[in-house]
Amino acid sequence: MNSLEYIDHSVSRLINEYNDEIEMEIIKFQDHYKVVVTICQEEPPYKDFIGIGTDRRSARRAARKALNGLYLEAYSDGKNH
């Protein structure tokens, strides 16, 4: 998984159930997928969280891992939403 050149790249934005905008970047490398998801708000209440997931065969599984990490960081204490 040390390939530096990517095959495909896409970015999408969505609004989650907490009304936060999430940006999802999916990068396909020759031997794996990497997904980076972020919540970064420029207005109060300020939030800046990131989740990263990888999977050898599936962009969907990589996205699920990234979102799980993001949600744990952003919402696990119940004070951030």
PDB file of N, CA and C in Angstrom:
ATOM      1  N   MET A   1       0.815  -1.196   0.000  1.00  0.00           N
ATOM      2  CA  MET A   1       0.000   0.000   0.000  1.00  0.00           C
ATOM      3  C   MET A   1       0.859   1.261   0.000  1.00  0.00           C
ATOM      4  N   ASN A   2       2.007   1.219  -0.656  1.00  0.00           N
ATOM      5  CA  ASN A   2       2.884   2.374  -0.700  1.00  0.00           C
ATOM      6  C   ASN A   2       2.830   3.097  -2.038  1.00  0.00           C
ATOM      7  N   SER A   3       1.875   2.764  -2.869  1.00  0.00           N
ATOM      8  CA  SER A   3       1.749   3.416  -4.161  1.00  0.00           C
ATOM      9  C   SER A   3       1.452   4.902  -3.987  1.00  0.00           C
ATOM     10  N   LEU A   4       2.188   5.747  -4.691  1.00  0.00           N
ATOM     11  CA  LEU A   4       2.001   7.185  -4.559  1.00  0.00           C
ATOM     12  C   LEU A   4       1.092   7.757  -5.639  1.00  0.00           C
ATOM     13  N   GLU A   5       0.939   7.066  -6.746  1.00  0.00           N
ATOM     14  CA  GLU A   5       0.114   7.570  -7.830  1.00  0.00           C
ATOM     15  C   GLU A   5      -1.289   6.981  -7.739  1.00  0.00           C
ATOM     16  N   TYR A   6      -2.278   7.869  -7.808  1.00  0.00           N
ATOM     17  CA  TYR A   6      -3.645   7.377  -7.719  1.00  0.00           C
ATOM     18  C   TYR A   6      -4.227   7.158  -9.098  1.00  0.00           C
ATOM     19  N   ILE A   7      -5.235   6.286  -9.145  1.00  0.00           N
ATOM     20  CA  ILE A   7      -5.906   5.951 -10.393  1.00  0.00           C
ATOM     21  C   ILE A   7      -7.129   6.839 -10.595  1.00  0.00           C
ATOM     22  N   ASP A   8      -7.868   7.078  -9.515  1.00  0.00           N
ATOM     23  CA  ASP A   8      -9.096   7.867  -9.598  1.00  0.00           C
ATOM     24  C   ASP A   8      -9.261   8.649  -8.298  1.00  0.00           C
ATOM     25  N   HIS A   9     -10.015   9.741  -8.381  1.00  0.00           N
ATOM     26  CA  HIS A   9     -10.185  10.628  -7.236  1.00  0.00           C
ATOM     27  C   HIS A   9     -11.532  11.321  -7.356  1.00  0.00           C
ATOM     28  N   SER A  10     -12.286  11.369  -6.256  1.00  0.00           N
ATOM     29  CA  SER A  10     -13.554  12.097  -6.276  1.00  0.00           C
ATOM     30  C   SER A  10     -13.806  12.725  -4.918  1.00  0.00           C
ATOM     31  N   VAL A  11     -14.552  13.818  -4.926  1.00  0.00           N
ATOM     32  CA  VAL A  11     -14.906  14.522  -3.696  1.00  0.00           C
ATOM     33  C   VAL A  11     -16.409  14.782  -3.730  1.00  0.00           C
ATOM     34  N   SER A  12     -17.050  14.514  -2.609  1.00  0.00           N
ATOM     35  CA  SER A  12     -18.479  14.804  -2.506  1.00  0.00           C
ATOM     36  C   SER A  12     -18.760  15.428  -1.147  1.00  0.00           C
ATOM     37  N   ARG A  13     -19.900  16.105  -1.071  1.00  0.00           N
ATOM     38  CA  ARG A  13     -20.310  16.745   0.181  1.00  0.00           C
ATOM     39  C   ARG A  13     -21.711  16.290   0.525  1.00  0.00           C
ATOM     40  N   LEU A  14     -21.956  16.114   1.811  1.00  0.00           N
ATOM     41  CA  LEU A  14     -23.276  15.730   2.274  1.00  0.00           C
ATOM     42  C   LEU A  14     -23.542  16.369   3.623  1.00  0.00           C
ATOM     43  N   ILE A  15     -24.811  16.470   3.974  1.00  0.00           N
ATOM     44  CA  ILE A  15     -25.225  16.979   5.276  1.00  0.00           C
ATOM     45  C   ILE A  15     -25.693  15.783   6.095  1.00  0.00           C
ATOM     46  N   ASN A  16     -25.128  15.612   7.303  1.00  0.00           N
ATOM     47  CA  ASN A  16     -25.505  14.458   8.114  1.00  0.00           C
ATOM     48  C   ASN A  16     -26.686  14.779   9.026  1.00  0.00           C
ATOM     49  N   GLU A  17     -27.063  13.821   9.852  1.00  0.00           N
ATOM     50  CA  GLU A  17     -28.231  13.975  10.725  1.00  0.00           C
ATOM     51  C   GLU A  17     -28.051  15.041  11.805  1.00  0.00           C
ATOM     52  N   TYR A  18     -26.815  15.500  12.038  1.00  0.00           N
ATOM     53  CA  TYR A  18     -26.546  16.576  13.006  1.00  0.00           C
ATOM     54  C   TYR A  18     -26.473  17.925  12.318  1.00  0.00           C
ATOM     55  N   ASN A  19     -26.814  17.953  11.026  1.00  0.00           N
ATOM     56  CA  ASN A  19     -26.798  19.162  10.207  1.00  0.00           C
ATOM     57  C   ASN A  19     -25.381  19.708  10.004  1.00  0.00           C
ATOM     58  N   ASP A  20     -24.397  18.820  10.057  1.00  0.00           N
ATOM     59  CA  ASP A  20     -23.013  19.180   9.775  1.00  0.00           C
ATOM     60  C   ASP A  20     -22.687  18.786   8.338  1.00  0.00           C
ATOM     61  N   GLU A  21     -21.925  19.621   7.649  1.00  0.00           N
ATOM     62  CA  GLU A  21     -21.485  19.291   6.302  1.00  0.00           C
ATOM     63  C   GLU A  21     -20.254  18.401   6.387  1.00  0.00           C
ATOM     64  N   ILE A  22     -20.312  17.278   5.694  1.00  0.00           N
ATOM     65  CA  ILE A  22     -19.194  16.346   5.642  1.00  0.00           C
ATOM     66  C   ILE A  22     -18.656  16.329   4.221  1.00  0.00           C
ATOM     67  N   GLU A  23     -17.352  16.453   4.103  1.00  0.00           N
ATOM     68  CA  GLU A  23     -16.700  16.328   2.808  1.00  0.00           C
ATOM     69  C   GLU A  23     -16.019  14.969   2.767  1.00  0.00           C
ATOM     70  N   MET A  24     -16.282  14.214   1.712  1.00  0.00           N
ATOM     71  CA  MET A  24     -15.716  12.879   1.561  1.00  0.00           C
ATOM     72  C   MET A  24     -14.859  12.824   0.306  1.00  0.00           C
ATOM     73  N   GLU A  25     -13.612  12.468   0.489  1.00  0.00           N
ATOM     74  CA  GLU A  25     -12.667  12.329  -0.619  1.00  0.00           C
ATOM     75  C   GLU A  25     -12.316  10.850  -0.767  1.00  0.00           C
ATOM     76  N   ILE A  26     -12.578  10.300  -1.948  1.00  0.00           N
ATOM     77  CA  ILE A  26     -12.292   8.894  -2.227  1.00  0.00           C
ATOM     78  C   ILE A  26     -11.149   8.850  -3.232  1.00  0.00           C
ATOM     79  N   ILE A  27     -10.096   8.150  -2.851  1.00  0.00           N
ATOM     80  CA  ILE A  27      -8.916   8.038  -3.703  1.00  0.00           C
ATOM     81  C   ILE A  27      -8.682   6.552  -3.994  1.00  0.00           C
ATOM     82  N   LYS A  28      -8.639   6.210  -5.273  1.00  0.00           N
ATOM     83  CA  LYS A  28      -8.380   4.829  -5.665  1.00  0.00           C
ATOM     84  C   LYS A  28      -6.925   4.712  -6.101  1.00  0.00           C
ATOM     85  N   PHE A  29      -6.190   3.882  -5.396  1.00  0.00           N
ATOM     86  CA  PHE A  29      -4.820   3.563  -5.760  1.00  0.00           C
ATOM     87  C   PHE A  29      -4.816   2.207  -6.469  1.00  0.00           C
ATOM     88  N   GLN A  30      -3.693   1.806  -6.970  1.00  0.00           N
ATOM     89  CA  GLN A  30      -3.610   0.538  -7.684  1.00  0.00           C
ATOM     90  C   GLN A  30      -3.985  -0.633  -6.787  1.00  0.00           C
ATOM     91  N   ASP A  31      -3.598  -0.586  -5.526  1.00  0.00           N
ATOM     92  CA  ASP A  31      -3.806  -1.743  -4.654  1.00  0.00           C
ATOM     93  C   ASP A  31      -4.737  -1.500  -3.465  1.00  0.00           C
ATOM     94  N   HIS A  32      -5.379  -0.334  -3.390  1.00  0.00           N
ATOM     95  CA  HIS A  32      -6.304  -0.075  -2.279  1.00  0.00           C
ATOM     96  C   HIS A  32      -7.094   1.212  -2.508  1.00  0.00           C
ATOM     97  N   TYR A  33      -8.103   1.399  -1.668  1.00  0.00           N
ATOM     98  CA  TYR A  33      -8.878   2.640  -1.621  1.00  0.00           C
ATOM     99  C   TYR A  33      -8.555   3.353  -0.323  1.00  0.00           C
ATOM    100  N   LYS A  34      -8.537   4.663  -0.386  1.00  0.00           N
ATOM    101  CA  LYS A  34      -8.362   5.485   0.806  1.00  0.00           C
ATOM    102  C   LYS A  34      -9.478   6.531   0.799  1.00  0.00           C
ATOM    103  N   VAL A  35     -10.144   6.677   1.936  1.00  0.00           N
ATOM    104  CA  VAL A  35     -11.217   7.655   2.057  1.00  0.00           C
ATOM    105  C   VAL A  35     -10.895   8.579   3.224  1.00  0.00           C
ATOM    106  N   VAL A  36     -11.004   9.869   2.964  1.00  0.00           N
ATOM    107  CA  VAL A  36     -10.790  10.890   3.997  1.00  0.00           C
ATOM    108  C   VAL A  36     -12.089  11.675   4.122  1.00  0.00           C
ATOM    109  N   VAL A  37     -12.632  11.711   5.337  1.00  0.00           N
ATOM    110  CA  VAL A  37     -13.854  12.479   5.584  1.00  0.00           C
ATOM    111  C   VAL A  37     -13.546  13.562   6.613  1.00  0.00           C
ATOM    112  N   THR A  38     -14.133  14.735   6.414  1.00  0.00           N
ATOM    113  CA  THR A  38     -13.881  15.848   7.325  1.00  0.00           C
ATOM    114  C   THR A  38     -15.173  16.593   7.641  1.00  0.00           C
ATOM    115  N   ILE A  39     -15.201  17.130   8.857  1.00  0.00           N
ATOM    116  CA  ILE A  39     -16.176  18.147   9.249  1.00  0.00           C
ATOM    117  C   ILE A  39     -15.333  19.354   9.605  1.00  0.00           C
ATOM    118  N   CYS A  40     -15.515  20.431   8.892  1.00  0.00           N
ATOM    119  CA  CYS A  40     -14.748  21.636   9.151  1.00  0.00           C
ATOM    120  C   CYS A  40     -15.656  22.830   8.927  1.00  0.00           C
ATOM    121  N   GLN A  41     -16.132  23.409  10.001  1.00  0.00           N
ATOM    122  CA  GLN A  41     -17.063  24.521   9.905  1.00  0.00           C
ATOM    123  C   GLN A  41     -16.342  25.849  10.103  1.00  0.00           C
ATOM    124  N   GLU A  42     -16.699  26.809   9.282  1.00  0.00           N
ATOM    125  CA  GLU A  42     -16.070  28.122   9.340  1.00  0.00           C
ATOM    126  C   GLU A  42     -16.854  29.109  10.189  1.00  0.00           C
ATOM    127  N   GLU A  43     -18.009  28.671  10.681  1.00  0.00           N
ATOM    128  CA  GLU A  43     -18.844  29.525  11.520  1.00  0.00           C
ATOM    129  C   GLU A  43     -19.146  28.792  12.819  1.00  0.00           C
ATOM    130  N   PRO A  44     -19.468  29.522  13.874  1.00  0.00           N
ATOM    131  CA  PRO A  44     -19.791  28.868  15.148  1.00  0.00           C
ATOM    132  C   PRO A  44     -21.008  27.968  15.013  1.00  0.00           C
ATOM    133  N   PRO A  45     -21.066  26.864  15.702  1.00  0.00           N
ATOM    134  CA  PRO A  45     -20.027  26.326  16.584  1.00  0.00           C
ATOM    135  C   PRO A  45     -18.925  25.690  15.737  1.00  0.00           C
ATOM    136  N   TYR A  46     -17.692  26.089  15.954  1.00  0.00           N
ATOM    137  CA  TYR A  46     -16.567  25.617  15.165  1.00  0.00           C
ATOM    138  C   TYR A  46     -16.314  24.139  15.435  1.00  0.00           C
ATOM    139  N   LYS A  47     -16.152  23.391  14.365  1.00  0.00           N
ATOM    140  CA  LYS A  47     -15.828  21.973  14.460  1.00  0.00           C
ATOM    141  C   LYS A  47     -14.748  21.675  13.434  1.00  0.00           C
ATOM    142  N   ASP A  48     -13.816  20.832  13.804  1.00  0.00           N
ATOM    143  CA  ASP A  48     -12.751  20.429  12.895  1.00  0.00           C
ATOM    144  C   ASP A  48     -12.378  18.987  13.227  1.00  0.00           C
ATOM    145  N   PHE A  49     -12.935  18.047  12.479  1.00  0.00           N
ATOM    146  CA  PHE A  49     -12.709  16.632  12.731  1.00  0.00           C
ATOM    147  C   PHE A  49     -12.364  15.932  11.427  1.00  0.00           C
ATOM    148  N   ILE A  50     -11.607  14.832  11.536  1.00  0.00           N
ATOM    149  CA  ILE A  50     -11.195  14.071  10.355  1.00  0.00           C
ATOM    150  C   ILE A  50     -11.270  12.587  10.663  1.00  0.00           C
ATOM    151  N   GLY A  51     -11.632  11.821   9.649  1.00  0.00           N
ATOM    152  CA  GLY A  51     -11.611  10.366   9.729  1.00  0.00           C
ATOM    153  C   GLY A  51     -10.977   9.818   8.472  1.00  0.00           C
ATOM    154  N   ILE A  52     -10.168   8.776   8.616  1.00  0.00           N
ATOM    155  CA  ILE A  52      -9.476   8.174   7.479  1.00  0.00           C
ATOM    156  C   ILE A  52      -9.707   6.672   7.509  1.00  0.00           C
ATOM    157  N   GLY A  53     -10.040   6.117   6.356  1.00  0.00           N
ATOM    158  CA  GLY A  53     -10.233   4.676   6.252  1.00  0.00           C
ATOM    159  C   GLY A  53      -9.609   4.144   4.980  1.00  0.00           C
ATOM    160  N   THR A  54      -9.115   2.926   5.052  1.00  0.00           N
ATOM    161  CA  THR A  54      -8.553   2.271   3.870  1.00  0.00           C
ATOM    162  C   THR A  54      -9.119   0.857   3.763  1.00  0.00           C
ATOM    163  N   ASP A  55      -9.160   0.366   2.542  1.00  0.00           N
ATOM    164  CA  ASP A  55      -9.569  -1.013   2.303  1.00  0.00           C
ATOM    165  C   ASP A  55      -8.945  -1.465   0.989  1.00  0.00           C
ATOM    166  N   ARG A  56      -8.542  -2.700   0.936  1.00  0.00           N
ATOM    167  CA  ARG A  56      -7.867  -3.224  -0.257  1.00  0.00           C
ATOM    168  C   ARG A  56      -8.797  -3.366  -1.456  1.00  0.00           C
ATOM    169  N   ARG A  57     -10.098  -3.647  -1.227  1.00  0.00           N
ATOM    170  CA  ARG A  57     -10.982  -3.961  -2.342  1.00  0.00           C
ATOM    171  C   ARG A  57     -12.179  -3.040  -2.516  1.00  0.00           C
ATOM    172  N   SER A  58     -12.577  -2.307  -1.470  1.00  0.00           N
ATOM    173  CA  SER A  58     -13.857  -1.620  -1.538  1.00  0.00           C
ATOM    174  C   SER A  58     -13.793  -0.176  -1.046  1.00  0.00           C
ATOM    175  N   ALA A  59     -14.230   0.745  -1.899  1.00  0.00           N
ATOM    176  CA  ALA A  59     -14.331   2.148  -1.490  1.00  0.00           C
ATOM    177  C   ALA A  59     -15.405   2.295  -0.416  1.00  0.00           C
ATOM    178  N   ARG A  60     -16.450   1.502  -0.523  1.00  0.00           N
ATOM    179  CA  ARG A  60     -17.543   1.563   0.456  1.00  0.00           C
ATOM    180  C   ARG A  60     -17.068   1.180   1.856  1.00  0.00           C
ATOM    181  N   ARG A  61     -16.292   0.105   1.955  1.00  0.00           N
ATOM    182  CA  ARG A  61     -15.769  -0.300   3.273  1.00  0.00           C
ATOM    183  C   ARG A  61     -14.777   0.722   3.803  1.00  0.00           C
ATOM    184  N   ALA A  62     -13.972   1.301   2.937  1.00  0.00           N
ATOM    185  CA  ALA A  62     -13.044   2.347   3.362  1.00  0.00           C
ATOM    186  C   ALA A  62     -13.817   3.554   3.878  1.00  0.00           C
ATOM    187  N   ALA A  63     -14.901   3.913   3.197  1.00  0.00           N
ATOM    188  CA  ALA A  63     -15.731   5.045   3.627  1.00  0.00           C
ATOM    189  C   ALA A  63     -16.376   4.756   4.978  1.00  0.00           C
ATOM    190  N   ARG A  64     -16.861   3.546   5.165  1.00  0.00           N
ATOM    191  CA  ARG A  64     -17.480   3.168   6.436  1.00  0.00           C
ATOM    192  C   ARG A  64     -16.474   3.299   7.588  1.00  0.00           C
ATOM    193  N   LYS A  65     -15.245   2.834   7.366  1.00  0.00           N
ATOM    194  CA  LYS A  65     -14.203   2.949   8.393  1.00  0.00           C
ATOM    195  C   LYS A  65     -13.907   4.416   8.697  1.00  0.00           C
ATOM    196  N   ALA A  66     -13.806   5.227   7.657  1.00  0.00           N
ATOM    197  CA  ALA A  66     -13.512   6.652   7.848  1.00  0.00           C
ATOM    198  C   ALA A  66     -14.644   7.345   8.597  1.00  0.00           C
ATOM    199  N   LEU A  67     -15.884   7.069   8.222  1.00  0.00           N
ATOM    200  CA  LEU A  67     -17.032   7.695   8.889  1.00  0.00           C
ATOM    201  C   LEU A  67     -17.155   7.231  10.338  1.00  0.00           C
ATOM    202  N   ASN A  68     -16.887   5.960  10.599  1.00  0.00           N
ATOM    203  CA  ASN A  68     -16.917   5.482  11.988  1.00  0.00           C
ATOM    204  C   ASN A  68     -15.910   6.234  12.843  1.00  0.00           C
ATOM    205  N   GLY A  69     -14.707   6.420  12.334  1.00  0.00           N
ATOM    206  CA  GLY A  69     -13.695   7.178  13.070  1.00  0.00           C
ATOM    207  C   GLY A  69     -14.088   8.630  13.270  1.00  0.00           C
ATOM    208  N   LEU A  70     -14.641   9.231  12.230  1.00  0.00           N
ATOM    209  CA  LEU A  70     -15.085  10.621  12.309  1.00  0.00           C
ATOM    210  C   LEU A  70     -16.189  10.784  13.346  1.00  0.00           C
ATOM    211  N   TYR A  71     -17.174   9.910  13.305  1.00  0.00           N
ATOM    212  CA  TYR A  71     -18.298  10.007  14.240  1.00  0.00           C
ATOM    213  C   TYR A  71     -17.855   9.757  15.674  1.00  0.00           C
ATOM    214  N   LEU A  72     -16.929   8.831  15.880  1.00  0.00           N
ATOM    215  CA  LEU A  72     -16.404   8.617  17.232  1.00  0.00           C
ATOM    216  C   LEU A  72     -15.747   9.873  17.775  1.00  0.00           C
ATOM    217  N   GLU A  73     -14.942  10.494  16.947  1.00  0.00           N
ATOM    218  CA  GLU A  73     -14.234  11.703  17.371  1.00  0.00           C
ATOM    219  C   GLU A  73     -15.188  12.884  17.567  1.00  0.00           C
ATOM    220  N   ALA A  74     -16.106  13.058  16.652  1.00  0.00           N
ATOM    221  CA  ALA A  74     -16.947  14.257  16.654  1.00  0.00           C
ATOM    222  C   ALA A  74     -18.134  14.173  17.616  1.00  0.00           C
ATOM    223  N   TYR A  75     -18.701  12.990  17.808  1.00  0.00           N
ATOM    224  CA  TYR A  75     -19.966  12.896  18.519  1.00  0.00           C
ATOM    225  C   TYR A  75     -19.974  11.958  19.726  1.00  0.00           C
ATOM    226  N   SER A  76     -18.876  11.353  20.057  1.00  0.00           N
ATOM    227  CA  SER A  76     -18.896  10.347  21.124  1.00  0.00           C
ATOM    228  C   SER A  76     -19.195  10.915  22.504  1.00  0.00           C
ATOM    229  N   ASP A  77     -18.829  12.165  22.786  1.00  0.00           N
ATOM    230  CA  ASP A  77     -19.088  12.705  24.126  1.00  0.00           C
ATOM    231  C   ASP A  77     -20.442  13.397  24.240  1.00  0.00           C
ATOM    232  N   GLY A  78     -21.153  13.527  23.127  1.00  0.00           N
ATOM    233  CA  GLY A  78     -22.487  14.108  23.160  1.00  0.00           C
ATOM    234  C   GLY A  78     -22.514  15.614  23.335  1.00  0.00           C
ATOM    235  N   LYS A  79     -21.376  16.269  23.352  1.00  0.00           N
ATOM    236  CA  LYS A  79     -21.324  17.727  23.552  1.00  0.00           C
ATOM    237  C   LYS A  79     -21.148  18.502  22.252  1.00  0.00           C
ATOM    238  N   ASN A  80     -20.820  17.817  21.174  1.00  0.00           N
ATOM    239  CA  ASN A  80     -20.434  18.508  19.945  1.00  0.00           C
ATOM    240  C   ASN A  80     -21.554  18.697  18.948  1.00  0.00           C
ATOM    241  N   HIS A  81     -22.775  18.318  19.266  1.00  0.00           N
ATOM    242  CA  HIS A  81     -23.858  18.492  18.309  1.00  0.00           C
ATOM    243  C   HIS A  81     -25.053  19.147  18.966  1.00  0.00           C
TER     244      HIS A  81
END
